[in-house]
Structure formats: C-alpha cells, structure tokens
Amino acid sequence: MQLVSSFMKSVFSMRAPWPLWVTMLMALNMMGPLFFLHTLEAKAVLVSTVAGALLMMFIFSRYGFVRLMGLGHIFWIPLVIWLGIRIPEIAFDTPFGIWLALVLGANFISLCIDILDVVFYLRGDREPMTAH
C-alpha cells in the first residue's frame, strides 16, 4: 500500500496540467467501467488498465517516477485498436457511447505521449517526472 501511496504522491507532484490529466485517465479507465461492467468493452478497459497499473507499480518500484512509466499503457494498444474497429457498432448518443468515445480519445492521446516518453527515456532522459 505504501508503494501506491508513494506513486500517487509523485503523480500529484507533477507540473500542471499532468495531475489533472492522470486523474481524468484514472476516472475514465478505472471508475467509468464500473457503470458499464455488463459490457465486454468495459471489462476490457478495466482489465487492460489494472494490468497496466500493475506494470507501472513494478516500474515505479524499480526505477522511480520516470518516463519509462509510459510502458504501463502498453495494454491500451490492442484495446484502442479493438475499440477503434468497433466504432461503427457503437451508438455515441448514449451514456455508454459517450464514455467509450472519451476512453478511446483519451487513451489514444495518452499512448502518443507515452511513446514519446519511452523514447526520451531510452535516449537518456532518466530524470523523475515530478516538479523539482
């Protein structure tokens, strides 16, 4: 539990607007699915997010709050592709459809940021992502 607490302290010590962005991602991907758990999409979002959170906790415990944390969203790659393929089947004028569109958009943007973060890390940027 202390690891999760340290991780959350690091999240909220990042420069604005990153704590807000991370909070939004957590709400969409961890709490949002609970409203639609009867659907396969919500289950997929929740499972991929929990798997990613576990990977992030491992990375955080080994390397700290560094850009390599972007690897934690690797499970979102197949999720975003699958949800993107399903777009024609989704009615976006329902609460479920709106939530799914938000998840798809936010996770896609996050993956773009994560790819850059991991590339920067591999190129030598190993500084913590927290505000100094």
Protein backbone atom coordinates (compact mmCIF):
# COMPACT_ATOMS: atom_id res chain seq x y z
CA MET A 1 0.00 0.00 0.00
CA GLN A 2 2.93 2.31 0.68
CA LEU A 3 4.06 1.85 -2.93
CA VAL A 4 0.68 3.03 -4.24
CA SER A 5 0.72 5.97 -1.83
CA SER A 6 4.21 7.00 -2.99
CA PHE A 7 3.13 6.64 -6.61
CA MET A 8 0.08 8.89 -6.08
CA LYS A 9 2.23 11.48 -4.28
CA SER A 10 4.50 11.51 -7.33
CA VAL A 11 1.53 11.94 -9.66
CA PHE A 12 0.28 14.95 -7.72
CA SER A 13 3.76 16.48 -7.54
CA MET A 14 3.99 16.71 -11.35
CA ARG A 15 3.69 20.10 -13.01
CA ALA A 16 0.20 21.21 -14.08
CA PRO A 17 -1.77 20.06 -16.02
CA TRP A 18 -0.40 16.50 -15.66
CA PRO A 19 -2.06 15.62 -12.32
CA LEU A 20 -5.42 16.60 -13.82
CA TRP A 21 -4.73 14.56 -16.96
CA VAL A 22 -3.76 11.47 -14.92
CA THR A 23 -6.82 11.88 -12.68
CA MET A 24 -9.07 12.06 -15.76
CA LEU A 25 -7.45 8.94 -17.23
CA MET A 26 -7.94 7.09 -13.96
CA ALA A 27 -11.58 8.14 -13.73
CA LEU A 28 -12.32 7.12 -17.32
CA ASN A 29 -10.46 3.82 -17.18
CA MET A 30 -10.91 2.63 -13.60
CA MET A 31 -14.18 4.11 -12.40
CA GLY A 32 -16.01 4.54 -15.71
CA PRO A 33 -16.09 0.82 -16.49
CA LEU A 34 -17.91 0.12 -13.22
CA PHE A 35 -21.01 1.82 -14.66
CA PHE A 36 -20.98 -0.43 -17.74
CA LEU A 37 -19.49 -3.64 -16.34
CA HIS A 38 -22.16 -5.69 -18.09
CA THR A 39 -20.45 -4.89 -21.41
CA LEU A 40 -17.40 -6.56 -22.91
CA GLU A 41 -15.88 -3.15 -23.67
CA ALA A 42 -15.98 -2.04 -20.03
CA LYS A 43 -14.43 -5.32 -18.90
CA ALA A 44 -11.65 -4.94 -21.49
CA VAL A 45 -10.96 -1.34 -20.41
CA LEU A 46 -10.82 -2.33 -16.74
CA VAL A 47 -8.62 -5.40 -17.27
CA SER A 48 -6.15 -3.56 -19.51
CA THR A 49 -5.98 -0.67 -17.03
CA VAL A 50 -5.41 -2.90 -14.00
CA ALA A 51 -2.71 -4.83 -15.91
CA GLY A 52 -1.08 -1.52 -16.80
CA ALA A 53 -1.30 -0.27 -13.22
CA LEU A 54 0.48 -3.40 -12.00
CA LEU A 55 3.23 -2.90 -14.59
CA MET A 56 3.54 0.76 -13.59
CA MET A 57 3.88 -0.19 -9.92
CA PHE A 58 6.69 -2.59 -10.87
CA ILE A 59 8.47 0.08 -12.97
CA PHE A 60 7.96 2.68 -10.23
CA SER A 61 9.38 0.34 -7.57
CA ARG A 62 12.48 -0.38 -9.68
CA TYR A 63 13.21 2.93 -11.43
CA GLY A 64 11.11 5.61 -9.75
CA PHE A 65 8.69 8.03 -11.39
CA VAL A 66 10.47 8.27 -14.74
CA ARG A 67 9.40 8.42 -18.38
CA LEU A 68 9.62 4.63 -18.64
CA MET A 69 6.28 4.59 -16.79
CA GLY A 70 4.70 5.09 -20.22
CA LEU A 71 5.21 1.37 -20.79
CA GLY A 72 2.39 0.80 -18.33
CA HIS A 73 -0.11 1.72 -21.01
CA ILE A 74 1.15 -0.91 -23.45
CA PHE A 75 -2.02 -2.91 -22.82
CA TRP A 76 -4.01 0.00 -24.23
CA ILE A 77 -2.55 -0.52 -27.71
CA PRO A 78 -4.70 -3.58 -28.53
CA LEU A 79 -7.59 -2.03 -26.58
CA VAL A 80 -7.55 1.19 -28.63
CA ILE A 81 -7.25 -0.75 -31.89
CA TRP A 82 -10.16 -3.03 -30.92
CA LEU A 83 -12.35 -0.15 -29.76
CA GLY A 84 -11.48 1.77 -32.93
CA ILE A 85 -12.61 -1.15 -35.08
CA ARG A 86 -15.88 -1.30 -33.13
CA ILE A 87 -16.75 2.38 -33.73
CA PRO A 88 -19.37 1.63 -36.44
CA GLU A 89 -21.23 -0.62 -33.98
CA ILE A 90 -21.39 1.94 -31.15
CA ALA A 91 -24.18 4.47 -30.68
CA PHE A 92 -22.44 7.62 -29.44
CA ASP A 93 -25.67 9.27 -28.32
CA THR A 94 -25.91 7.11 -25.17
CA PRO A 95 -24.02 7.41 -21.87
CA PHE A 96 -22.15 4.20 -22.77
CA GLY A 97 -21.23 5.52 -26.22
CA ILE A 98 -20.08 8.87 -24.84
CA TRP A 99 -17.94 7.14 -22.21
CA LEU A 100 -16.44 4.84 -24.84
CA ALA A 101 -15.64 7.76 -27.15
CA LEU A 102 -13.92 9.57 -24.27
CA VAL A 103 -11.92 6.46 -23.37
CA LEU A 104 -10.89 5.91 -26.97
CA GLY A 105 -9.82 9.53 -27.48
CA ALA A 106 -8.06 9.98 -24.13
CA ASN A 107 -6.26 6.64 -24.33
CA PHE A 108 -5.11 7.34 -27.90
CA ILE A 109 -3.69 10.71 -26.85
CA SER A 110 -2.09 9.11 -23.80
CA LEU A 111 -0.44 6.44 -25.96
CA CYS A 112 1.08 9.14 -28.18
CA ILE A 113 2.50 10.86 -25.08
CA ASP A 114 3.67 7.51 -23.66
CA ILE A 115 5.53 6.60 -26.85
CA LEU A 116 7.40 9.90 -26.71
CA ASP A 117 8.15 9.42 -23.00
CA VAL A 118 9.59 5.94 -23.53
CA VAL A 119 11.68 7.13 -26.49
CA PHE A 120 13.03 10.04 -24.39
CA TYR A 121 13.83 7.60 -21.57
CA LEU A 122 15.66 5.24 -23.94
CA ARG A 123 17.63 8.22 -25.30
CA GLY A 124 18.86 9.03 -21.81
CA ASP A 125 16.24 11.24 -20.11
CA ARG A 126 16.12 9.42 -16.78
CA GLU A 127 15.10 12.38 -14.60
CA PRO A 128 12.00 11.99 -12.41
CA MET A 129 8.86 13.49 -13.97
CA THR A 130 7.96 15.33 -10.79
CA ALA A 131 8.27 19.09 -10.30
CA HIS A 132 11.58 19.95 -8.67
